[in-house]
Amino acid sequence: MSDDHTFGTDTPTRREYVTYGGAVIGGGLLAGCAGQSNSGSTPTETTGDETDTGTSTGEDQSYSVTMSAVGTVEFDAVPERVAVYDSHWADHMVGLGQQDRIISLGFPDRYYTGFYEELPDVEFETGDLTAMYNDESYDKELLYELDADLFHIDPYRAVATNDNFDMDDVEEIIENVGPWFANRGSANNQIPGGADVDYEFYTLWELFSKFAEVYQVQDRSAALKTVRDELVTEIRSNLPPEDERPSVGFAGWWKGDIWVYDPNEDGFGAAHTRPVQLNDAFPDVPGYAASNWQEGKIDVEKALDADPDVWIQINAVNGKDAFENAVSEMKDDAVASRITAVQKDRIYPGGVNRQGPIYNLFQIEMTAKQVYPDLFGGYPGIGEPVPGDERLFDRRRVADIINGDI
């Protein structure tokens, strides 16, 4: 994909309140727009000497947010109707108390809300959300029908994963519906589709800060980041020396096939395992971030050779039945059953790599408990709440921050 595609238009979109930002995608201009109400916080004010943003009367209250992959998007108010595809962006919005603005998800029926159930006064109902998945493609007609003020979709990811959707389609939606705001490459620090563009990668918490700017609730992202930092500090201060830590097989078993993931790699995909500083049982096997992820596939004999003390089944916390089936298969397999983790019943469900801040907090805690139950208390199981006296962070505090009580 070349980097000379030009986005944007000099004509107004169908929204009369549209504003334009100097956003750059592939060296071009991206038009940014916003919803028709604000969050009550004070956005960045512009002066009368700056370019007219389309507001006809009153003081200009526009603000802009810049993020690699979409550039600078300018808003005249906080977006009201927000289309989301990937689940992790929804978790960012829940973390900011903005979940009522979400109108879609890729798979609403698969969204895991178990962590939210431990947070008082925090809910996210997905039953009425529009499902965006359609034969592995982005349905352009649906993007129009959603009539969103903002799309939390990475344009490069959209083009890279859909044969019938290209950058011209992205530009058309920007011009006629609304801007896009996401950075999917930060999952594993790879540019989606290998696009030939400048593309910066962010940590999960840097992305969270960007989302907070969009919804003008920066105090919430800063407060939750403090909770996360305190959690990580507490865990790391109690870890044994590296040579005394159990080896962890961070992998996915699927009917006898095994895909290895690197628990310490860059990107938000490992944001729940990297802070716990796991002793990787497969250090010589390329992980999730490998350019060809098939390189991370191993056979069960190689898994036995590594013989991890603990097995964490990747992306399993949101699928209890699938996890239990995997455990049964490993126990019944003549080779896998000889792995130490299997023999000692130390197979655990791993957190999802598509995670936002709330998933991240719970999954860091979960990982610490799975690997070091003697230090942090045992993991209670999928869907089971952690007893109050064994929690590693304050649920009430997190809920208050989400709801704006900082």
Protein backbone atom coordinates (compact mmCIF):
# COMPACT_ATOMS: atom_id res chain seq x y z
CA MET A 1 0.00 0.00 0.00
CA SER A 2 1.55 3.28 -1.02
CA ASP A 3 1.63 6.32 1.23
CA ASP A 4 0.43 8.86 -1.32
CA HIS A 5 -3.32 8.37 -1.02
CA THR A 6 -5.07 11.65 -0.24
CA PHE A 7 -8.01 11.73 2.14
CA GLY A 8 -10.57 14.38 2.88
CA THR A 9 -12.61 16.93 1.02
CA ASP A 10 -13.15 20.66 0.90
CA THR A 11 -16.93 20.22 0.80
CA PRO A 12 -19.06 19.78 3.95
CA THR A 13 -20.36 16.38 4.96
CA ARG A 14 -24.05 15.68 5.49
CA ARG A 15 -23.58 17.03 9.05
CA GLU A 16 -23.86 20.80 9.17
CA TYR A 17 -21.73 20.87 12.30
CA VAL A 18 -18.77 19.08 10.75
CA THR A 19 -15.30 20.39 11.49
CA TYR A 20 -12.08 19.61 9.68
CA GLY A 21 -8.78 18.68 11.22
CA GLY A 22 -5.36 18.53 9.67
CA ALA A 23 -5.33 14.77 10.01
CA VAL A 24 -2.87 12.82 7.96
CA ILE A 25 -3.44 9.32 6.69
CA GLY A 26 -0.87 8.24 4.18
CA GLY A 27 0.20 11.85 3.68
CA GLY A 28 -3.33 13.12 3.00
CA LEU A 29 -6.02 15.13 4.76
CA LEU A 30 -8.61 13.41 6.95
CA ALA A 31 -11.83 15.23 7.78
CA GLY A 32 -12.87 15.03 11.40
CA CYS A 33 -16.32 15.52 12.85
CA ALA A 34 -18.10 15.23 16.14
CA GLY A 35 -21.45 14.74 17.78
CA GLN A 36 -23.81 17.47 18.89
CA SER A 37 -23.27 17.58 22.63
CA ASN A 38 -20.34 17.83 25.00
CA SER A 39 -19.26 15.94 28.08
CA GLY A 40 -19.37 18.85 30.47
CA SER A 41 -15.60 19.18 30.62
CA THR A 42 -13.71 22.08 29.09
CA PRO A 43 -12.27 21.35 25.64
CA THR A 44 -9.44 23.23 24.00
CA GLU A 45 -10.55 26.67 22.87
CA THR A 46 -9.41 28.24 19.62
CA THR A 47 -8.98 31.90 18.80
CA GLY A 48 -10.70 33.99 16.18
CA ASP A 49 -7.49 34.07 14.15
CA GLU A 50 -7.71 30.35 13.40
CA THR A 51 -9.47 28.64 10.54
CA ASP A 52 -13.27 28.70 10.67
CA THR A 53 -14.50 25.31 11.88
CA GLY A 54 -18.09 25.73 10.82
CA THR A 55 -19.62 27.03 14.03
CA SER A 56 -21.84 29.99 13.22
CA THR A 57 -22.40 31.63 16.61
CA GLY A 58 -20.97 31.65 20.10
CA GLU A 59 -17.51 30.86 21.39
CA ASP A 60 -15.63 28.21 19.47
CA GLN A 61 -15.26 25.15 21.72
CA SER A 62 -13.60 22.84 19.20
CA TYR A 63 -10.74 20.57 20.15
CA SER A 64 -8.55 18.12 18.29
CA VAL A 65 -6.89 14.78 19.02
CA THR A 66 -3.90 13.37 17.16
CA MET A 67 -3.09 9.68 16.87
CA SER A 68 -0.94 7.81 14.42
CA ALA A 69 -2.90 5.85 11.81
CA VAL A 70 -5.59 8.53 11.65
CA GLY A 71 -3.71 11.78 12.23
CA THR A 72 -5.41 14.79 13.76
CA VAL A 73 -9.17 14.70 14.09
CA GLU A 74 -10.94 17.89 15.09
CA PHE A 75 -14.17 17.86 17.07
CA ASP A 76 -16.70 20.58 17.78
CA ALA A 77 -18.29 18.44 20.52
CA VAL A 78 -17.97 15.01 22.08
CA PRO A 79 -19.25 12.31 19.67
CA GLU A 80 -22.69 10.98 20.57
CA ARG A 81 -23.04 7.94 18.27
CA VAL A 82 -19.90 5.83 18.07
CA ALA A 83 -19.42 2.74 15.92
CA VAL A 84 -17.01 0.12 17.30
CA TYR A 85 -15.84 -3.10 15.67
CA ASP A 86 -13.02 -4.58 17.78
CA SER A 87 -13.94 -5.37 21.36
CA HIS A 88 -10.92 -3.70 22.95
CA TRP A 89 -12.07 -0.26 21.84
CA ALA A 90 -15.37 -0.89 23.62
CA ASP A 91 -13.46 -1.67 26.80
CA HIS A 92 -11.65 1.66 26.46
CA MET A 93 -15.02 3.38 26.34
CA VAL A 94 -16.34 1.46 29.34
CA GLY A 95 -13.21 2.49 31.23
CA LEU A 96 -14.08 6.11 30.50
CA GLY A 97 -17.77 5.72 31.36
CA GLN A 98 -18.77 6.31 27.73
CA GLN A 99 -20.32 2.94 26.92
CA ASP A 100 -23.79 4.40 26.28
CA ARG A 101 -22.41 6.06 23.16
CA ILE A 102 -21.58 2.72 21.50
CA ILE A 103 -23.97 1.66 18.75
CA SER A 104 -22.17 -1.38 17.27
CA LEU A 105 -19.66 -4.16 17.80
CA GLY A 106 -18.16 -6.72 15.47
CA PHE A 107 -19.69 -9.53 17.56
CA PRO A 108 -21.99 -8.18 20.27
CA ASP A 109 -23.06 -11.66 21.37
CA ARG A 110 -19.45 -12.67 22.06
CA TYR A 111 -18.42 -9.66 24.12
CA TYR A 112 -17.24 -10.79 27.54
CA THR A 113 -18.76 -8.75 30.37
CA GLY A 114 -17.71 -10.99 33.24
CA PHE A 115 -15.14 -8.54 34.59
CA TYR A 116 -17.68 -5.73 34.74
CA GLU A 117 -19.86 -7.82 37.02
CA GLU A 118 -17.28 -7.30 39.78
CA LEU A 119 -17.54 -3.51 39.45
CA PRO A 120 -20.44 -1.91 41.35
CA ASP A 121 -22.63 0.43 39.28
CA VAL A 122 -20.86 -0.39 36.00
CA GLU A 123 -22.84 -2.03 33.21
CA PHE A 124 -22.47 -2.54 29.49
CA GLU A 125 -25.46 -4.04 27.70
CA THR A 126 -24.61 -5.40 24.25
CA GLY A 127 -27.95 -6.96 23.27
CA ASP A 128 -29.20 -4.00 21.24
CA LEU A 129 -25.91 -3.20 19.50
CA THR A 130 -25.64 -3.65 15.74
CA ALA A 131 -23.40 -6.56 14.73
CA MET A 132 -20.85 -5.39 12.16
CA TYR A 133 -19.41 -8.75 11.13
CA ASN A 134 -20.55 -9.83 7.67
CA ASP A 135 -18.67 -12.61 5.87
CA GLU A 136 -15.31 -11.24 7.01
CA SER A 137 -15.93 -7.90 5.30
CA TYR A 138 -16.83 -4.35 6.13
CA ASP A 139 -20.26 -3.67 4.70
CA LYS A 140 -20.12 -0.13 3.37
CA GLU A 141 -23.89 0.14 3.32
CA LEU A 142 -23.95 -0.72 7.00
CA LEU A 143 -21.39 1.99 7.72
CA TYR A 144 -23.81 4.46 6.18
CA GLU A 145 -26.77 3.01 8.05
CA LEU A 146 -24.98 3.30 11.40
CA ASP A 147 -24.89 7.08 10.87
CA ALA A 148 -22.08 7.32 13.42
CA ASP A 149 -20.37 10.50 14.54
CA LEU A 150 -17.13 8.54 14.90
CA PHE A 151 -15.80 5.11 13.90
CA HIS A 152 -13.36 3.42 16.26
CA ILE A 153 -11.85 1.42 13.40
CA ASP A 154 -8.27 1.51 12.13
CA PRO A 155 -8.52 2.30 8.38
CA TYR A 156 -5.40 0.31 7.55
CA ARG A 157 -6.68 -2.71 9.45
CA ALA A 158 -10.02 -2.43 7.64
CA VAL A 159 -8.36 -2.41 4.23
CA ALA A 160 -5.83 -5.11 5.08
CA THR A 161 -8.48 -7.59 6.21
CA ASN A 162 -11.17 -6.97 3.60
CA ASP A 163 -10.74 -7.67 -0.12
CA ASN A 164 -13.75 -5.57 -1.13
CA PHE A 165 -12.88 -2.50 0.94
CA ASP A 166 -10.11 -0.06 0.00
CA MET A 167 -8.83 3.39 0.90
CA ASP A 168 -11.27 5.05 -1.46
CA ASP A 169 -14.07 3.48 0.57
CA VAL A 170 -12.49 4.78 3.78
CA GLU A 171 -12.36 8.28 2.30
CA GLU A 172 -15.96 8.04 1.16
CA ILE A 173 -17.15 7.16 4.67
CA ILE A 174 -15.06 9.97 6.16
CA GLU A 175 -16.55 12.48 3.73
CA ASN A 176 -20.15 11.35 4.02
CA VAL A 177 -20.49 9.94 7.53
CA GLY A 178 -17.67 10.53 10.01
CA PRO A 179 -13.96 10.13 10.83
CA TRP A 180 -12.11 7.01 11.99
CA PHE A 181 -10.09 6.83 15.19
CA ALA A 182 -8.15 3.70 16.16
CA ASN A 183 -4.68 2.20 16.06
CA ARG A 184 -4.96 -1.57 15.68
CA GLY A 185 -1.27 -2.08 14.90
CA SER A 186 -0.42 -1.43 18.54
CA ALA A 187 -1.82 -4.87 19.40
CA ASN A 188 1.47 -6.47 18.39
CA ASN A 189 3.47 -3.52 17.04
CA GLN A 190 2.92 -4.42 13.40
CA ILE A 191 1.51 -2.16 10.72
CA PRO A 192 -1.74 -3.76 9.50
CA GLY A 193 -1.17 -5.30 6.09
CA GLY A 194 2.39 -3.99 6.03
CA ALA A 195 1.20 -0.63 4.71
CA ASP A 196 3.98 1.67 3.49
CA VAL A 197 3.16 4.52 5.87
CA ASP A 198 4.49 6.20 8.98
CA TYR A 199 2.77 4.32 11.76
CA GLU A 200 3.52 4.85 15.43
CA PHE A 201 2.78 2.22 18.04
CA TYR A 202 1.31 2.98 21.46
CA THR A 203 0.97 1.13 24.73
CA LEU A 204 -2.52 0.24 25.90
CA TRP A 205 -2.46 3.08 28.40
CA GLU A 206 -1.24 5.60 25.84
CA LEU A 207 -4.17 4.60 23.64
CA PHE A 208 -6.47 5.00 26.63
CA SER A 209 -5.20 8.54 27.11
CA LYS A 210 -5.97 9.29 23.45
CA PHE A 211 -9.52 7.99 23.86
CA ALA A 212 -9.91 10.11 26.98
CA GLU A 213 -9.02 13.18 24.93
CA VAL A 214 -11.74 12.32 22.41
CA TYR A 215 -14.37 12.16 25.17
CA GLN A 216 -12.82 14.98 27.21
CA VAL A 217 -12.44 12.91 30.39
CA GLN A 218 -8.67 12.91 30.78
CA ASP A 219 -8.93 12.81 34.56
CA ARG A 220 -10.49 9.33 34.37
CA SER A 221 -7.74 7.85 32.23
CA ALA A 222 -5.06 9.32 34.49
CA ALA A 223 -6.75 7.96 37.61
CA LEU A 224 -7.14 4.45 36.19
CA LYS A 225 -3.51 4.50 35.04
CA THR A 226 -2.57 5.16 38.66
CA VAL A 227 -4.56 2.09 39.74
CA ARG A 228 -2.76 0.02 37.15
CA ASP A 229 0.67 1.30 38.16
CA GLU A 230 -0.01 0.58 41.82
CA LEU A 231 -1.17 -2.95 40.92
CA VAL A 232 1.96 -3.69 38.90
CA THR A 233 4.23 -2.25 41.59
CA GLU A 234 2.59 -4.44 44.23
CA ILE A 235 2.95 -7.59 42.11
CA ARG A 236 6.54 -6.97 41.07
CA SER A 237 7.66 -6.10 44.59
CA ASN A 238 6.63 -9.58 45.70
CA LEU A 239 7.98 -11.69 42.82
CA PRO A 240 10.68 -14.24 43.60
CA PRO A 241 14.07 -14.03 41.86
CA GLU A 242 13.87 -14.86 38.17
CA ASP A 243 15.62 -18.21 38.54
CA GLU A 244 13.04 -19.29 41.12
CA ARG A 245 9.98 -18.51 39.05
CA PRO A 246 7.96 -21.30 37.40
CA SER A 247 8.19 -21.68 33.64
CA VAL A 248 5.02 -20.67 31.84
CA GLY A 249 3.75 -22.03 28.56
CA PHE A 250 1.70 -19.16 27.14
CA ALA A 251 0.08 -20.93 24.22
CA GLY A 252 -3.06 -22.07 22.50
CA TRP A 253 -3.93 -25.77 22.30
CA TRP A 254 -6.40 -26.54 19.54
CA LYS A 255 -7.20 -30.22 18.88
CA GLY A 256 -3.58 -31.27 19.10
CA ASP A 257 -2.10 -28.22 17.44
CA ILE A 258 -0.21 -25.69 19.55
CA TRP A 259 0.47 -22.02 18.82
CA VAL A 260 2.97 -20.30 21.09
CA TYR A 261 2.68 -16.68 22.18
CA ASP A 262 5.37 -14.53 23.76
CA PRO A 263 4.12 -13.28 27.15
CA ASN A 264 6.76 -10.56 27.26
CA GLU A 265 6.44 -9.13 23.74
CA ASP A 266 5.62 -5.52 22.91
CA GLY A 267 2.08 -4.40 22.12
CA PHE A 268 -1.19 -4.32 24.02
CA GLY A 269 -1.82 -7.99 23.18
CA ALA A 270 0.55 -8.94 26.01
CA ALA A 271 -0.30 -6.03 28.30
CA HIS A 272 -1.64 -8.41 30.96
CA THR A 273 1.28 -10.86 30.98
CA ARG A 274 4.27 -8.59 30.38
CA PRO A 275 3.87 -6.71 33.72
CA VAL A 276 4.00 -10.01 35.63
CA GLN A 277 7.42 -10.81 34.09
CA LEU A 278 6.70 -14.44 33.29
CA ASN A 279 9.43 -17.02 32.76
CA ASP A 280 8.64 -18.01 29.16
CA ALA A 281 8.82 -21.79 28.61
CA PHE A 282 9.26 -21.30 24.85
CA PRO A 283 11.80 -18.48 24.52
CA ASP A 284 13.14 -19.72 21.18
CA VAL A 285 9.75 -19.93 19.45
CA PRO A 286 8.49 -16.78 17.65
CA GLY A 287 5.39 -15.51 19.34
CA TYR A 288 2.25 -13.70 18.31
CA ALA A 289 4.17 -10.75 16.88
CA ALA A 290 6.10 -12.92 14.40
CA SER A 291 5.68 -11.68 10.83
CA ASN A 292 4.43 -15.15 9.91
CA TRP A 293 2.54 -16.37 12.92
CA GLN A 294 2.69 -19.96 11.63
CA GLU A 295 6.31 -19.87 12.78
CA GLY A 296 4.92 -20.01 16.29
CA LYS A 297 3.26 -23.38 15.72
CA ILE A 298 4.85 -26.36 17.47
CA ASP A 299 3.98 -30.01 17.97
CA VAL A 300 3.14 -31.61 21.28
CA GLU A 301 6.53 -33.33 21.51
CA LYS A 302 8.27 -29.95 21.51
CA ALA A 303 5.86 -28.76 24.19
CA LEU A 304 6.80 -31.77 26.30
CA ASP A 305 10.50 -31.04 25.78
CA ALA A 306 9.94 -27.53 27.17
CA ASP A 307 7.79 -29.02 29.96
CA PRO A 308 6.25 -25.83 31.39
CA ASP A 309 5.29 -25.78 35.06
CA VAL A 310 2.22 -23.67 34.24
CA TRP A 311 0.15 -23.63 31.05
CA ILE A 312 -1.89 -20.54 30.24
CA GLN A 313 -4.33 -21.16 27.41
CA ILE A 314 -4.39 -18.01 25.30
CA ASN A 315 -7.64 -16.07 24.85
CA ALA A 316 -9.66 -18.48 26.98
CA VAL A 317 -11.28 -16.44 29.76
CA ASN A 318 -14.15 -15.47 27.45
CA GLY A 319 -14.93 -19.06 26.41
CA LYS A 320 -15.42 -21.43 29.34
CA ASP A 321 -16.65 -24.41 27.31
CA ALA A 322 -13.81 -24.17 24.80
CA PHE A 323 -11.29 -23.90 27.62
CA GLU A 324 -12.65 -26.95 29.42
CA ASN A 325 -12.56 -28.91 26.17
CA ALA A 326 -8.92 -27.98 25.65
CA VAL A 327 -8.05 -29.10 29.19
CA SER A 328 -9.79 -32.44 28.64
CA GLU A 329 -7.99 -32.98 25.34
CA MET A 330 -4.59 -32.26 26.87
CA LYS A 331 -5.25 -34.68 29.72
CA ASP A 332 -6.37 -37.39 27.30
CA ASP A 333 -3.43 -36.92 24.91
CA ALA A 334 -0.69 -39.51 25.43
CA VAL A 335 2.10 -36.92 25.11
CA ALA A 336 0.48 -33.73 26.46
CA SER A 337 -0.64 -35.57 29.59
CA ARG A 338 3.04 -35.93 30.57
CA ILE A 339 3.63 -32.17 30.69
CA THR A 340 4.17 -31.02 34.27
CA ALA A 341 1.48 -28.33 34.08
CA VAL A 342 -1.06 -30.93 32.94
CA GLN A 343 -0.09 -33.48 35.56
CA LYS A 344 -0.34 -30.89 38.33
CA ASP A 345 -3.64 -29.41 37.09
CA ARG A 346 -2.00 -26.05 36.44
CA ILE A 347 -3.75 -25.26 33.17
CA TYR A 348 -5.41 -21.86 33.35
CA PRO A 349 -7.52 -19.70 31.04
CA GLY A 350 -5.51 -16.81 29.65
CA GLY A 351 -6.84 -13.31 29.27
CA VAL A 352 -7.89 -11.99 25.89
CA ASN A 353 -5.24 -10.08 23.95
CA ARG A 354 -7.88 -7.68 22.59
CA GLN A 355 -8.05 -5.74 25.81
CA GLY A 356 -8.72 -2.26 27.03
CA PRO A 357 -7.99 -0.84 30.50
CA ILE A 358 -10.64 -2.70 32.51
CA TYR A 359 -9.82 -6.08 31.01
CA ASN A 360 -6.17 -5.24 31.59
CA LEU A 361 -6.58 -4.62 35.32
CA PHE A 362 -8.47 -7.86 35.88
CA GLN A 363 -6.19 -9.88 33.62
CA ILE A 364 -2.99 -8.68 35.28
CA GLU A 365 -4.47 -9.73 38.62
CA MET A 366 -5.66 -13.01 37.12
CA THR A 367 -2.24 -13.85 35.65
CA ALA A 368 -0.47 -13.13 38.94
CA LYS A 369 -2.86 -15.41 40.81
CA GLN A 370 -2.53 -18.22 38.28
CA VAL A 371 1.26 -18.26 38.29
CA TYR A 372 1.85 -17.35 41.95
CA PRO A 373 -1.13 -18.56 44.01
CA ASP A 374 0.98 -18.82 47.16
CA LEU A 375 1.83 -15.12 46.88
CA PHE A 376 -1.39 -13.57 45.63
CA GLY A 377 -4.13 -16.09 46.35
CA GLY A 378 -5.49 -18.69 43.98
CA TYR A 379 -7.40 -17.99 40.79
CA PRO A 380 -11.09 -18.80 41.46
CA GLY A 381 -12.04 -19.78 37.91
CA ILE A 382 -13.81 -18.27 34.91
CA GLY A 383 -16.73 -16.12 35.99
CA GLU A 384 -15.99 -16.56 39.69
CA PRO A 385 -15.35 -13.36 41.67
CA VAL A 386 -12.13 -12.97 43.61
CA PRO A 387 -12.84 -12.95 47.37
CA GLY A 388 -12.70 -9.47 48.84
CA ASP A 389 -9.65 -10.08 51.00
CA GLU A 390 -7.68 -11.53 48.05
CA ARG A 391 -8.23 -8.72 45.55
CA LEU A 392 -5.15 -6.94 44.27
CA PHE A 393 -6.96 -3.73 43.38
CA ASP A 394 -9.99 -1.88 44.73
CA ARG A 395 -13.14 -2.57 42.64
CA ARG A 396 -15.04 0.30 44.22
CA ARG A 397 -12.30 2.74 43.38
CA VAL A 398 -12.24 1.62 39.75
CA ALA A 399 -16.03 1.89 39.47
CA ASP A 400 -16.00 5.38 40.94
CA ILE A 401 -13.38 6.51 38.45
CA ILE A 402 -15.36 5.06 35.53
CA ASN A 403 -18.42 6.97 36.72
CA GLY A 404 -16.53 10.23 37.11
CA ASP A 405 -16.09 10.26 40.89
CA ILE A 406 -12.35 10.75 40.90
